[in-house]
């Protein structure tokens, strides 16, 4: 069995830093685009679902089911479907899969956050003449922001991990490093890839935590 040392890691990082950097950028591009699209879909949908509890229950059940589907299986389902437009493997199926996996935490937390806003605060906003839209933007969303951002953070960390698996369908990213390491029986490559994925997840969580604090009202 190959015994790995810190020197092995440092040597590999030094000799392959450009390749690791390129894979990291690919990973960030895939996950970042997926999260942006997921927010644009999930937050408005979560807000709308607060007006229809029956529909909310159905949507949350569907997104929960999607979360239980193994990523490899979901990629496999997409291959024949997207092959119709010549995109069975690569960036697009990985992007769609990450968007689907992101919906549950974002929709659920948005829905719960808006629902849990203190009714007295709503009444006060209505009492000073705010319209429904004004109340939403100036009162409900700011008060729900911590929970909404918690959902975004969960989705982001989840996608960074799943994004590594997407390398198996040619989506690139840090998973390519892990995949190559497995195929070559190179434990150093595998562990370097795994460590960089973990560091990326930690950095993303810290950045989103900072954004959450920045946009959360004082005392919220």
N, C-alpha and C. Protein backbone atom coordinates (compact mmCIF):
# COMPACT_ATOMS: atom_id res chain seq x y z
N UNK A 1 0.85 -1.20 0.00
CA UNK A 1 0.00 0.00 0.00
C UNK A 1 0.88 1.25 0.00
N UNK A 2 0.50 2.22 -0.82
CA UNK A 2 1.27 3.45 -0.92
C UNK A 2 1.09 4.29 0.34
N UNK A 3 2.24 4.70 0.92
CA UNK A 3 2.21 5.54 2.11
C UNK A 3 2.39 6.99 1.68
N UNK A 4 1.39 7.83 2.01
CA UNK A 4 1.41 9.22 1.59
C UNK A 4 1.97 10.10 2.70
N UNK A 5 2.77 11.07 2.30
CA UNK A 5 3.35 12.01 3.25
C UNK A 5 2.99 13.43 2.84
N UNK A 6 3.22 14.37 3.76
CA UNK A 6 2.97 15.78 3.46
C UNK A 6 3.82 16.22 2.27
N UNK A 7 5.03 15.65 2.19
CA UNK A 7 5.92 15.99 1.07
C UNK A 7 5.29 15.61 -0.26
N UNK A 8 4.61 14.46 -0.29
CA UNK A 8 3.93 14.02 -1.53
C UNK A 8 2.88 15.05 -1.95
N UNK A 9 2.12 15.52 -0.97
CA UNK A 9 1.08 16.51 -1.28
C UNK A 9 1.70 17.80 -1.79
N UNK A 10 2.71 18.29 -1.09
CA UNK A 10 3.34 19.55 -1.47
C UNK A 10 3.97 19.45 -2.86
N UNK A 11 4.61 18.33 -3.13
CA UNK A 11 5.23 18.14 -4.45
C UNK A 11 4.17 18.10 -5.55
N UNK A 12 3.08 17.41 -5.26
CA UNK A 12 2.03 17.33 -6.28
C UNK A 12 1.41 18.70 -6.52
N UNK A 13 1.12 19.45 -5.45
CA UNK A 13 0.56 20.79 -5.60
C UNK A 13 1.50 21.68 -6.39
N UNK A 14 2.78 21.60 -6.08
CA UNK A 14 3.77 22.45 -6.76
C UNK A 14 3.88 22.12 -8.24
N UNK A 15 3.91 20.84 -8.54
CA UNK A 15 4.12 20.41 -9.93
C UNK A 15 2.87 20.49 -10.78
N UNK A 16 1.69 20.54 -10.13
CA UNK A 16 0.43 20.52 -10.89
C UNK A 16 -0.50 21.67 -10.50
N UNK A 17 0.06 22.74 -9.98
CA UNK A 17 -0.76 23.85 -9.48
C UNK A 17 -1.64 24.46 -10.58
N UNK A 18 -1.12 24.57 -11.78
CA UNK A 18 -1.90 25.17 -12.87
C UNK A 18 -3.11 24.32 -13.22
N UNK A 19 -2.90 23.00 -13.29
CA UNK A 19 -4.00 22.08 -13.59
C UNK A 19 -5.05 22.10 -12.49
N UNK A 20 -4.60 22.10 -11.23
CA UNK A 20 -5.53 22.14 -10.09
C UNK A 20 -6.34 23.44 -10.12
N UNK A 21 -5.67 24.54 -10.43
CA UNK A 21 -6.35 25.84 -10.51
C UNK A 21 -7.41 25.82 -11.61
N UNK A 22 -7.09 25.24 -12.77
CA UNK A 22 -8.05 25.17 -13.88
C UNK A 22 -9.27 24.33 -13.49
N UNK A 23 -9.02 23.19 -12.84
CA UNK A 23 -10.13 22.35 -12.40
C UNK A 23 -11.00 23.07 -11.36
N UNK A 24 -10.34 23.83 -10.49
CA UNK A 24 -11.08 24.58 -9.46
C UNK A 24 -11.97 25.63 -10.10
N UNK A 25 -11.46 26.34 -11.10
CA UNK A 25 -12.26 27.33 -11.81
C UNK A 25 -13.46 26.69 -12.50
N UNK A 26 -13.26 25.53 -13.12
CA UNK A 26 -14.36 24.81 -13.75
C UNK A 26 -15.42 24.44 -12.71
N UNK A 27 -14.96 24.01 -11.55
CA UNK A 27 -15.88 23.60 -10.48
C UNK A 27 -16.69 24.79 -10.00
N UNK A 28 -16.01 25.91 -9.79
CA UNK A 28 -16.68 27.13 -9.33
C UNK A 28 -17.70 27.61 -10.37
N UNK A 29 -17.33 27.53 -11.64
CA UNK A 29 -18.24 27.95 -12.70
C UNK A 29 -19.51 27.11 -12.71
N UNK A 30 -19.36 25.79 -12.61
CA UNK A 30 -20.50 24.88 -12.63
C UNK A 30 -21.41 25.11 -11.42
N UNK A 31 -20.83 25.10 -10.24
CA UNK A 31 -21.61 25.24 -9.01
C UNK A 31 -22.20 26.65 -8.89
N UNK A 32 -21.40 27.66 -9.24
CA UNK A 32 -21.86 29.04 -9.14
C UNK A 32 -23.05 29.32 -10.04
N UNK A 33 -22.98 28.86 -11.29
CA UNK A 33 -24.10 29.07 -12.21
C UNK A 33 -25.33 28.32 -11.74
N UNK A 34 -25.13 27.10 -11.25
CA UNK A 34 -26.26 26.30 -10.76
C UNK A 34 -26.95 26.98 -9.59
N UNK A 35 -26.17 27.55 -8.67
CA UNK A 35 -26.75 28.20 -7.50
C UNK A 35 -27.49 29.47 -7.89
N UNK A 36 -26.92 30.26 -8.79
CA UNK A 36 -27.58 31.50 -9.24
C UNK A 36 -28.94 31.18 -9.86
N UNK A 37 -28.96 30.20 -10.76
CA UNK A 37 -30.22 29.81 -11.40
C UNK A 37 -31.19 29.25 -10.36
N UNK A 38 -30.67 28.46 -9.44
CA UNK A 38 -31.52 27.86 -8.40
C UNK A 38 -32.17 28.93 -7.52
N UNK A 39 -31.42 29.97 -7.20
CA UNK A 39 -31.98 31.07 -6.40
C UNK A 39 -33.07 31.79 -7.18
N UNK A 40 -32.82 32.03 -8.46
CA UNK A 40 -33.80 32.73 -9.30
C UNK A 40 -35.09 31.93 -9.45
N UNK A 41 -34.98 30.60 -9.34
CA UNK A 41 -36.17 29.75 -9.42
C UNK A 41 -36.77 29.52 -8.03
N UNK A 42 -35.92 29.12 -7.08
CA UNK A 42 -36.40 28.66 -5.79
C UNK A 42 -36.95 29.72 -4.87
N UNK A 43 -36.32 30.90 -4.83
CA UNK A 43 -36.79 31.94 -3.93
C UNK A 43 -38.17 32.47 -4.34
N UNK A 44 -38.36 32.87 -5.61
CA UNK A 44 -39.71 33.31 -6.00
C UNK A 44 -40.77 32.22 -5.82
N UNK A 45 -40.38 30.97 -6.13
CA UNK A 45 -41.34 29.87 -5.97
C UNK A 45 -41.68 29.66 -4.50
N UNK A 46 -40.68 29.74 -3.63
CA UNK A 46 -40.92 29.60 -2.20
C UNK A 46 -41.83 30.68 -1.67
N UNK A 47 -41.63 31.91 -2.16
CA UNK A 47 -42.49 33.02 -1.76
C UNK A 47 -43.92 32.80 -2.23
N UNK A 48 -44.06 32.37 -3.49
CA UNK A 48 -45.41 32.13 -4.03
C UNK A 48 -46.13 31.03 -3.27
N UNK A 49 -45.40 30.00 -2.87
CA UNK A 49 -46.03 28.87 -2.18
C UNK A 49 -46.62 29.25 -0.83
N UNK A 50 -46.20 30.38 -0.26
CA UNK A 50 -46.78 30.82 1.02
C UNK A 50 -48.24 31.22 0.86
N UNK A 51 -48.69 31.40 -0.39
CA UNK A 51 -50.08 31.75 -0.65
C UNK A 51 -50.95 30.54 -0.94
N UNK A 52 -50.31 29.35 -1.03
CA UNK A 52 -51.05 28.14 -1.39
C UNK A 52 -50.41 26.95 -0.66
N UNK A 53 -50.92 26.62 0.51
CA UNK A 53 -50.33 25.56 1.32
C UNK A 53 -50.43 24.18 0.67
N UNK A 54 -51.53 23.94 -0.04
CA UNK A 54 -51.70 22.63 -0.69
C UNK A 54 -50.65 22.43 -1.78
N UNK A 55 -50.44 23.47 -2.61
CA UNK A 55 -49.42 23.40 -3.65
C UNK A 55 -48.04 23.30 -3.01
N UNK A 56 -47.83 24.01 -1.92
CA UNK A 56 -46.54 23.98 -1.22
C UNK A 56 -46.21 22.56 -0.78
N UNK A 57 -47.19 21.86 -0.23
CA UNK A 57 -46.97 20.48 0.21
C UNK A 57 -46.55 19.58 -0.95
N UNK A 58 -47.22 19.76 -2.10
CA UNK A 58 -46.91 18.94 -3.28
C UNK A 58 -45.51 19.23 -3.80
N UNK A 59 -45.18 20.51 -3.92
CA UNK A 59 -43.86 20.90 -4.45
C UNK A 59 -42.75 20.42 -3.54
N UNK A 60 -42.93 20.57 -2.24
CA UNK A 60 -41.90 20.14 -1.29
C UNK A 60 -41.72 18.63 -1.30
N UNK A 61 -42.81 17.90 -1.52
CA UNK A 61 -42.71 16.44 -1.62
C UNK A 61 -41.92 16.04 -2.87
N UNK A 62 -42.19 16.73 -3.98
CA UNK A 62 -41.49 16.43 -5.23
C UNK A 62 -39.99 16.71 -5.09
N UNK A 63 -39.66 17.87 -4.52
CA UNK A 63 -38.24 18.21 -4.36
C UNK A 63 -37.56 17.27 -3.37
N UNK A 64 -38.31 16.78 -2.39
CA UNK A 64 -37.74 15.82 -1.44
C UNK A 64 -37.42 14.50 -2.14
N UNK A 65 -38.29 14.09 -3.04
CA UNK A 65 -38.06 12.85 -3.81
C UNK A 65 -36.82 13.00 -4.68
N UNK A 66 -36.68 14.16 -5.32
CA UNK A 66 -35.51 14.40 -6.17
C UNK A 66 -34.23 14.26 -5.37
N UNK A 67 -34.26 14.75 -4.12
CA UNK A 67 -33.07 14.69 -3.28
C UNK A 67 -32.66 13.26 -2.95
N UNK A 68 -33.61 12.33 -3.00
CA UNK A 68 -33.29 10.93 -2.66
C UNK A 68 -32.69 10.17 -3.83
N UNK A 69 -32.75 10.74 -5.04
CA UNK A 69 -32.21 10.07 -6.22
C UNK A 69 -30.69 10.19 -6.21
N UNK A 70 -29.96 9.08 -6.25
CA UNK A 70 -28.49 9.16 -6.31
C UNK A 70 -28.04 9.96 -7.53
N UNK A 71 -26.99 10.75 -7.36
CA UNK A 71 -26.55 11.63 -8.44
C UNK A 71 -26.19 10.86 -9.71
N UNK A 72 -25.52 9.72 -9.55
CA UNK A 72 -25.14 8.93 -10.72
C UNK A 72 -26.39 8.48 -11.47
N UNK A 73 -27.44 8.09 -10.72
CA UNK A 73 -28.69 7.66 -11.36
C UNK A 73 -29.35 8.82 -12.10
N UNK A 74 -29.33 10.00 -11.49
CA UNK A 74 -29.93 11.17 -12.13
C UNK A 74 -29.18 11.54 -13.40
N UNK A 75 -27.85 11.47 -13.35
CA UNK A 75 -27.06 11.72 -14.56
C UNK A 75 -27.42 10.70 -15.64
N UNK A 76 -27.58 9.43 -15.22
CA UNK A 76 -27.93 8.38 -16.18
C UNK A 76 -29.28 8.60 -16.83
N UNK A 77 -30.24 9.14 -16.05
CA UNK A 77 -31.56 9.43 -16.60
C UNK A 77 -31.48 10.54 -17.64
N UNK A 78 -30.62 11.51 -17.39
CA UNK A 78 -30.53 12.66 -18.28
C UNK A 78 -29.82 12.37 -19.60
N UNK A 79 -28.92 11.39 -19.59
CA UNK A 79 -28.14 11.11 -20.80
C UNK A 79 -29.03 10.85 -22.02
N UNK A 80 -29.98 9.90 -21.96
CA UNK A 80 -30.81 9.68 -23.15
C UNK A 80 -31.73 10.84 -23.47
N UNK A 81 -32.18 11.56 -22.43
CA UNK A 81 -33.10 12.68 -22.68
C UNK A 81 -32.38 13.82 -23.39
N UNK A 82 -31.22 14.21 -22.86
CA UNK A 82 -30.49 15.34 -23.43
C UNK A 82 -29.70 14.96 -24.68
N UNK A 83 -29.55 13.65 -24.91
CA UNK A 83 -28.88 13.22 -26.14
C UNK A 83 -29.67 13.63 -27.38
N UNK A 84 -30.97 13.85 -27.18
CA UNK A 84 -31.82 14.29 -28.29
C UNK A 84 -31.32 15.60 -28.88
N UNK A 85 -30.76 16.46 -28.01
CA UNK A 85 -30.24 17.75 -28.48
C UNK A 85 -28.70 17.74 -28.49
N UNK A 86 -28.14 16.55 -28.43
CA UNK A 86 -26.70 16.42 -28.50
C UNK A 86 -25.95 16.85 -27.25
N UNK A 87 -26.63 16.86 -26.09
CA UNK A 87 -26.01 17.30 -24.83
C UNK A 87 -26.14 16.24 -23.75
N UNK A 88 -26.03 14.97 -24.13
CA UNK A 88 -26.23 13.88 -23.17
C UNK A 88 -25.19 13.83 -22.07
N UNK A 89 -23.97 14.24 -22.39
CA UNK A 89 -22.92 14.29 -21.38
C UNK A 89 -22.28 15.69 -21.40
N UNK A 90 -21.58 16.00 -20.32
CA UNK A 90 -20.91 17.30 -20.28
C UNK A 90 -21.53 18.26 -19.29
N UNK A 91 -21.39 19.54 -19.57
CA UNK A 91 -21.76 20.60 -18.64
C UNK A 91 -23.26 20.68 -18.39
N UNK A 92 -24.07 20.61 -19.44
CA UNK A 92 -25.52 20.84 -19.31
C UNK A 92 -26.22 19.86 -18.39
N UNK A 93 -26.05 18.54 -18.57
CA UNK A 93 -26.75 17.62 -17.64
C UNK A 93 -26.29 17.80 -16.20
N UNK A 94 -25.02 18.10 -16.00
CA UNK A 94 -24.53 18.35 -14.65
C UNK A 94 -25.18 19.59 -14.06
N UNK A 95 -25.30 20.64 -14.87
CA UNK A 95 -25.92 21.88 -14.41
C UNK A 95 -27.38 21.65 -14.02
N UNK A 96 -28.11 20.94 -14.86
CA UNK A 96 -29.53 20.67 -14.57
C UNK A 96 -29.67 19.86 -13.28
N UNK A 97 -28.80 18.86 -13.12
CA UNK A 97 -28.86 18.03 -11.91
C UNK A 97 -28.61 18.86 -10.65
N UNK A 98 -27.63 19.73 -10.69
CA UNK A 98 -27.32 20.55 -9.52
C UNK A 98 -28.46 21.51 -9.21
N UNK A 99 -29.10 22.04 -10.25
CA UNK A 99 -30.25 22.92 -10.04
C UNK A 99 -31.38 22.16 -9.36
N UNK A 100 -31.63 20.94 -9.81
CA UNK A 100 -32.70 20.12 -9.21
C UNK A 100 -32.40 19.81 -7.74
N UNK A 101 -31.15 19.45 -7.45
CA UNK A 101 -30.78 19.14 -6.08
C UNK A 101 -30.85 20.36 -5.16
N UNK A 102 -30.71 21.55 -5.73
CA UNK A 102 -30.72 22.78 -4.93
C UNK A 102 -32.11 23.21 -4.51
N UNK A 103 -33.12 22.74 -5.21
CA UNK A 103 -34.46 23.29 -5.01
C UNK A 103 -35.03 23.05 -3.61
N UNK A 104 -34.84 21.87 -3.05
CA UNK A 104 -35.45 21.57 -1.74
C UNK A 104 -34.98 22.54 -0.66
N UNK A 105 -33.67 22.67 -0.41
CA UNK A 105 -33.27 23.58 0.68
C UNK A 105 -33.64 25.03 0.42
N UNK A 106 -33.58 25.48 -0.82
CA UNK A 106 -33.88 26.88 -1.11
C UNK A 106 -35.38 27.15 -1.03
N UNK A 107 -36.18 26.31 -1.66
CA UNK A 107 -37.64 26.51 -1.63
C UNK A 107 -38.17 26.35 -0.21
N UNK A 108 -37.76 25.29 0.46
CA UNK A 108 -38.27 25.01 1.82
C UNK A 108 -37.91 26.12 2.79
N UNK A 109 -36.67 26.57 2.74
CA UNK A 109 -36.25 27.62 3.68
C UNK A 109 -36.89 28.97 3.37
N UNK A 110 -37.07 29.26 2.08
CA UNK A 110 -37.75 30.50 1.71
C UNK A 110 -39.21 30.45 2.17
N UNK A 111 -39.87 29.36 1.90
CA UNK A 111 -41.27 29.17 2.30
C UNK A 111 -41.42 29.29 3.82
N UNK A 112 -40.55 28.58 4.55
CA UNK A 112 -40.62 28.60 6.01
C UNK A 112 -40.27 29.98 6.57
N UNK A 113 -39.26 30.62 5.98
CA UNK A 113 -38.84 31.93 6.45
C UNK A 113 -39.92 32.98 6.30
N UNK A 114 -40.60 33.00 5.16
CA UNK A 114 -41.68 33.97 4.94
C UNK A 114 -42.88 33.65 5.83
N UNK A 115 -43.19 32.37 5.97
CA UNK A 115 -44.32 31.95 6.79
C UNK A 115 -44.12 32.30 8.27
N UNK A 116 -42.86 32.26 8.71
CA UNK A 116 -42.58 32.46 10.13
C UNK A 116 -42.41 33.93 10.53
N UNK A 117 -42.56 34.84 9.57
CA UNK A 117 -42.48 36.26 9.92
C UNK A 117 -43.60 36.59 10.90
N UNK A 118 -43.27 37.31 11.95
CA UNK A 118 -44.24 37.66 13.00
C UNK A 118 -45.45 38.38 12.39
N UNK A 119 -46.66 37.86 12.59
CA UNK A 119 -47.87 38.51 12.06
C UNK A 119 -48.02 39.96 12.52
N UNK A 120 -47.52 40.26 13.71
CA UNK A 120 -47.60 41.63 14.21
C UNK A 120 -46.78 42.60 13.35
N UNK A 121 -45.65 42.08 12.84
CA UNK A 121 -44.83 42.91 11.96
C UNK A 121 -45.56 43.17 10.65
N UNK A 122 -46.22 42.14 10.13
CA UNK A 122 -47.01 42.30 8.91
C UNK A 122 -48.12 43.33 9.13
N UNK A 123 -48.81 43.19 10.25
CA UNK A 123 -49.92 44.10 10.55
C UNK A 123 -49.43 45.54 10.67
N UNK A 124 -48.26 45.71 11.29
CA UNK A 124 -47.70 47.06 11.45
C UNK A 124 -47.36 47.66 10.10
N UNK A 125 -46.77 46.83 9.20
CA UNK A 125 -46.42 47.30 7.86
C UNK A 125 -47.68 47.69 7.08
N UNK A 126 -48.70 46.85 7.22
CA UNK A 126 -49.97 47.14 6.54
C UNK A 126 -50.62 48.40 7.13
N UNK A 127 -50.44 48.58 8.43
CA UNK A 127 -51.04 49.72 9.10
C UNK A 127 -50.46 51.06 8.67
N UNK A 128 -49.19 51.06 8.24
CA UNK A 128 -48.58 52.31 7.79
C UNK A 128 -48.74 52.51 6.28
N UNK A 129 -49.57 51.64 5.67
CA UNK A 129 -49.93 51.85 4.27
C UNK A 129 -49.06 51.15 3.24
N UNK A 130 -48.27 50.17 3.66
CA UNK A 130 -47.44 49.45 2.69
C UNK A 130 -48.31 48.55 1.82
N UNK A 131 -47.96 48.47 0.53
CA UNK A 131 -48.63 47.54 -0.37
C UNK A 131 -48.08 46.13 -0.11
N UNK A 132 -48.70 45.14 -0.73
CA UNK A 132 -48.23 43.76 -0.56
C UNK A 132 -46.79 43.61 -1.02
N UNK A 133 -46.46 44.23 -2.17
CA UNK A 133 -45.10 44.13 -2.71
C UNK A 133 -44.11 44.85 -1.80
N UNK A 134 -44.48 46.03 -1.32
CA UNK A 134 -43.60 46.77 -0.41
C UNK A 134 -43.37 46.00 0.88
N UNK A 135 -44.43 45.37 1.39
CA UNK A 135 -44.32 44.59 2.62
C UNK A 135 -43.38 43.39 2.41
N UNK A 136 -43.48 42.80 1.22
CA UNK A 136 -42.64 41.64 0.91
C UNK A 136 -41.16 42.03 0.89
N UNK A 137 -40.86 43.12 0.14
CA UNK A 137 -39.46 43.51 -0.05
C UNK A 137 -38.85 44.19 1.17
N UNK A 138 -39.64 44.97 1.89
CA UNK A 138 -39.09 45.76 2.99
C UNK A 138 -39.23 45.11 4.36
N UNK A 139 -40.12 44.14 4.46
CA UNK A 139 -40.38 43.53 5.78
C UNK A 139 -40.14 42.02 5.77
N UNK A 140 -40.87 41.31 4.91
CA UNK A 140 -40.86 39.85 4.99
C UNK A 140 -39.54 39.23 4.54
N UNK A 141 -39.04 39.63 3.37
CA UNK A 141 -37.79 39.06 2.88
C UNK A 141 -36.62 39.39 3.82
N UNK A 142 -36.45 40.65 4.26
CA UNK A 142 -35.35 40.92 5.21
C UNK A 142 -35.42 40.09 6.49
N UNK A 143 -36.63 39.90 7.01
CA UNK A 143 -36.78 39.10 8.23
C UNK A 143 -36.55 37.61 7.97
N UNK A 144 -36.85 37.17 6.75
CA UNK A 144 -36.66 35.76 6.40
C UNK A 144 -35.26 35.48 5.88
N UNK A 145 -34.45 36.53 5.67
CA UNK A 145 -33.14 36.38 5.04
C UNK A 145 -32.23 35.36 5.72
N UNK A 146 -32.13 35.31 7.06
CA UNK A 146 -31.24 34.30 7.67
C UNK A 146 -31.60 32.88 7.26
N UNK A 147 -32.88 32.57 7.23
CA UNK A 147 -33.31 31.22 6.87
C UNK A 147 -33.13 30.97 5.37
N UNK A 148 -33.42 31.97 4.55
CA UNK A 148 -33.22 31.83 3.11
C UNK A 148 -31.75 31.57 2.80
N UNK A 149 -30.87 32.35 3.42
CA UNK A 149 -29.44 32.19 3.18
C UNK A 149 -28.92 30.86 3.71
N UNK A 150 -29.53 30.36 4.78
CA UNK A 150 -29.16 29.04 5.30
C UNK A 150 -29.46 27.97 4.24
N UNK A 151 -30.58 28.13 3.54
CA UNK A 151 -30.92 27.20 2.46
C UNK A 151 -29.95 27.30 1.31
N UNK A 152 -29.55 28.52 0.97
CA UNK A 152 -28.58 28.73 -0.12
C UNK A 152 -27.23 28.11 0.26
N UNK A 153 -26.83 28.29 1.51
CA UNK A 153 -25.56 27.72 1.96
C UNK A 153 -25.59 26.20 1.91
N UNK A 154 -26.71 25.61 2.34
CA UNK A 154 -26.85 24.16 2.29
C UNK A 154 -26.77 23.66 0.85
N UNK A 155 -27.48 24.34 -0.05
CA UNK A 155 -27.49 23.94 -1.46
C UNK A 155 -26.10 24.07 -2.07
N UNK A 156 -25.38 25.12 -1.70
CA UNK A 156 -24.05 25.33 -2.26
C UNK A 156 -23.08 24.24 -1.83
N UNK A 157 -23.06 23.93 -0.55
CA UNK A 157 -22.17 22.88 -0.05
C UNK A 157 -22.52 21.54 -0.68
N UNK A 158 -23.81 21.27 -0.78
CA UNK A 158 -24.27 20.03 -1.41
C UNK A 158 -23.79 19.95 -2.85
N UNK A 159 -23.91 21.04 -3.58
CA UNK A 159 -23.56 21.05 -5.00
C UNK A 159 -22.06 20.95 -5.23
N UNK A 160 -21.27 21.49 -4.32
CA UNK A 160 -19.82 21.37 -4.46
C UNK A 160 -19.42 19.89 -4.40
N UNK A 161 -20.08 19.14 -3.51
CA UNK A 161 -19.81 17.71 -3.42
C UNK A 161 -20.32 16.94 -4.62
N UNK A 162 -21.57 17.19 -5.00
CA UNK A 162 -22.16 16.48 -6.14
C UNK A 162 -21.45 16.87 -7.43
N UNK A 163 -20.99 18.12 -7.50
CA UNK A 163 -20.28 18.58 -8.69
C UNK A 163 -19.04 17.76 -8.98
N UNK A 164 -18.42 17.22 -7.93
CA UNK A 164 -17.24 16.37 -8.13
C UNK A 164 -17.61 15.07 -8.84
N UNK A 165 -18.81 14.56 -8.54
CA UNK A 165 -19.28 13.32 -9.19
C UNK A 165 -19.60 13.57 -10.66
N UNK A 166 -19.96 14.81 -10.99
CA UNK A 166 -20.34 15.16 -12.36
C UNK A 166 -19.19 14.98 -13.34
N UNK A 167 -17.98 14.83 -12.85
CA UNK A 167 -16.83 14.59 -13.73
C UNK A 167 -16.99 13.28 -14.49
N UNK A 168 -17.76 12.36 -13.92
CA UNK A 168 -17.95 11.06 -14.58
C UNK A 168 -18.78 11.17 -15.86
N UNK A 169 -19.46 12.30 -16.05
CA UNK A 169 -20.19 12.50 -17.31
C UNK A 169 -19.56 13.64 -18.11
N UNK A 170 -18.29 13.90 -17.83
CA UNK A 170 -17.55 14.85 -18.63
C UNK A 170 -17.81 16.31 -18.33
N UNK A 171 -18.24 16.62 -17.09
CA UNK A 171 -18.55 18.01 -16.75
C UNK A 171 -17.31 18.79 -16.29
N UNK A 172 -16.19 18.09 -16.13
CA UNK A 172 -14.98 18.77 -15.67
C UNK A 172 -15.00 19.04 -14.19
N UNK A 173 -14.18 19.97 -13.75
CA UNK A 173 -14.12 20.32 -12.33
C UNK A 173 -13.16 19.43 -11.57
N UNK A 174 -13.16 19.60 -10.25
CA UNK A 174 -12.22 18.88 -9.40
C UNK A 174 -12.46 17.38 -9.38
N UNK A 175 -13.66 16.96 -9.74
CA UNK A 175 -13.94 15.54 -9.82
C UNK A 175 -13.07 14.84 -10.86
N UNK A 176 -12.62 15.60 -11.86
CA UNK A 176 -11.74 15.03 -12.88
C UNK A 176 -10.42 14.56 -12.26
N UNK A 177 -9.94 15.33 -11.29
CA UNK A 177 -8.71 14.97 -10.61
C UNK A 177 -8.90 13.68 -9.81
N UNK A 178 -10.03 13.60 -9.12
CA UNK A 178 -10.32 12.39 -8.34
C UNK A 178 -10.52 11.19 -9.26
N UNK A 179 -11.25 11.40 -10.36
CA UNK A 179 -11.51 10.33 -11.32
C UNK A 179 -10.21 9.81 -11.92
N UNK A 180 -9.33 10.72 -12.32
CA UNK A 180 -8.05 10.32 -12.89
C UNK A 180 -7.21 9.57 -11.87
N UNK A 181 -7.26 10.04 -10.62
CA UNK A 181 -6.49 9.37 -9.58
C UNK A 181 -6.96 7.95 -9.34
N UNK A 182 -8.28 7.74 -9.37
CA UNK A 182 -8.82 6.39 -9.20
C UNK A 182 -8.42 5.48 -10.35
N UNK A 183 -8.55 6.00 -11.57
CA UNK A 183 -8.23 5.18 -12.75
C UNK A 183 -6.74 4.84 -12.82
N UNK A 184 -5.90 5.69 -12.26
CA UNK A 184 -4.45 5.47 -12.28
C UNK A 184 -3.94 4.84 -10.98
N UNK A 185 -4.83 4.57 -10.05
CA UNK A 185 -4.47 4.06 -8.72
C UNK A 185 -3.47 4.99 -8.04
N UNK A 186 -3.70 6.28 -8.22
CA UNK A 186 -2.82 7.31 -7.65
C UNK A 186 -3.54 7.95 -6.46
N UNK A 187 -3.21 7.48 -5.27
CA UNK A 187 -3.88 7.97 -4.07
C UNK A 187 -3.62 9.45 -3.82
N UNK A 188 -2.47 9.93 -4.23
CA UNK A 188 -2.15 11.34 -4.03
C UNK A 188 -3.12 12.22 -4.80
N UNK A 189 -3.40 11.88 -6.06
CA UNK A 189 -4.34 12.65 -6.87
C UNK A 189 -5.73 12.64 -6.25
N UNK A 190 -6.15 11.47 -5.79
CA UNK A 190 -7.49 11.34 -5.20
C UNK A 190 -7.62 12.22 -3.97
N UNK A 191 -6.64 12.14 -3.08
CA UNK A 191 -6.71 12.90 -1.83
C UNK A 191 -6.53 14.40 -2.06
N UNK A 192 -5.68 14.77 -3.01
CA UNK A 192 -5.54 16.19 -3.33
C UNK A 192 -6.86 16.74 -3.84
N UNK A 193 -7.51 16.00 -4.75
CA UNK A 193 -8.81 16.42 -5.27
C UNK A 193 -9.84 16.55 -4.16
N UNK A 194 -9.87 15.57 -3.26
CA UNK A 194 -10.85 15.59 -2.17
C UNK A 194 -10.58 16.76 -1.22
N UNK A 195 -9.31 17.01 -0.94
CA UNK A 195 -8.97 18.11 -0.03
C UNK A 195 -9.33 19.46 -0.63
N UNK A 196 -9.06 19.64 -1.91
CA UNK A 196 -9.39 20.92 -2.57
C UNK A 196 -10.90 21.13 -2.61
N UNK A 197 -11.66 20.06 -2.85
CA UNK A 197 -13.13 20.15 -2.81
C UNK A 197 -13.59 20.59 -1.42
N UNK A 198 -13.00 20.01 -0.39
CA UNK A 198 -13.38 20.36 0.98
C UNK A 198 -13.04 21.81 1.30
N UNK A 199 -11.85 22.25 0.88
CA UNK A 199 -11.45 23.64 1.11
C UNK A 199 -12.38 24.59 0.39
N UNK A 200 -12.75 24.24 -0.84
CA UNK A 200 -13.68 25.07 -1.61
C UNK A 200 -15.02 25.19 -0.91
N UNK A 201 -15.50 24.07 -0.34
CA UNK A 201 -16.77 24.09 0.38
C UNK A 201 -16.70 24.97 1.62
N UNK A 202 -15.59 24.90 2.34
CA UNK A 202 -15.42 25.73 3.54
C UNK A 202 -15.40 27.21 3.18
N UNK A 203 -14.64 27.55 2.13
CA UNK A 203 -14.55 28.95 1.70
C UNK A 203 -15.92 29.47 1.26
N UNK A 204 -16.64 28.66 0.48
CA UNK A 204 -17.97 29.06 0.01
C UNK A 204 -18.91 29.30 1.17
N UNK A 205 -18.86 28.43 2.18
CA UNK A 205 -19.73 28.58 3.34
C UNK A 205 -19.40 29.85 4.11
N UNK A 206 -18.12 30.17 4.26
CA UNK A 206 -17.71 31.37 4.98
C UNK A 206 -18.13 32.64 4.24
N UNK A 207 -17.99 32.61 2.91
CA UNK A 207 -18.40 33.78 2.10
C UNK A 207 -19.90 34.00 2.20
N UNK A 208 -20.67 32.92 2.09
CA UNK A 208 -22.13 33.03 2.16
C UNK A 208 -22.58 33.42 3.57
N UNK A 209 -21.85 32.97 4.57
CA UNK A 209 -22.18 33.35 5.95
C UNK A 209 -21.97 34.85 6.13
N UNK A 210 -20.91 35.38 5.53
CA UNK A 210 -20.64 36.82 5.60
C UNK A 210 -21.75 37.60 4.91
N UNK A 211 -22.15 37.12 3.71
CA UNK A 211 -23.23 37.78 2.97
C UNK A 211 -24.53 37.74 3.78
N UNK A 212 -24.78 36.61 4.43
CA UNK A 212 -25.98 36.47 5.26
C UNK A 212 -25.99 37.52 6.37
N UNK A 213 -24.88 37.68 7.05
CA UNK A 213 -24.80 38.68 8.13
C UNK A 213 -24.94 40.09 7.58
N UNK A 214 -24.38 40.32 6.40
CA UNK A 214 -24.40 41.66 5.79
C UNK A 214 -25.81 42.10 5.48
N UNK A 215 -26.65 41.17 5.03
CA UNK A 215 -27.99 41.53 4.59
C UNK A 215 -29.08 41.20 5.60
N UNK A 216 -28.69 40.73 6.78
CA UNK A 216 -29.65 40.45 7.84
C UNK A 216 -29.84 41.73 8.68
N UNK A 217 -31.08 42.16 8.86
CA UNK A 217 -31.31 43.37 9.68
C UNK A 217 -30.75 43.21 11.08
N UNK A 218 -30.26 44.28 11.65
CA UNK A 218 -29.72 44.24 13.01
C UNK A 218 -30.83 43.81 13.98
N UNK A 219 -30.49 42.86 14.82
CA UNK A 219 -31.48 42.33 15.75
C UNK A 219 -32.30 41.21 15.15
N UNK A 220 -32.04 40.88 13.79
CA UNK A 220 -32.79 39.83 13.13
C UNK A 220 -32.20 38.46 13.42
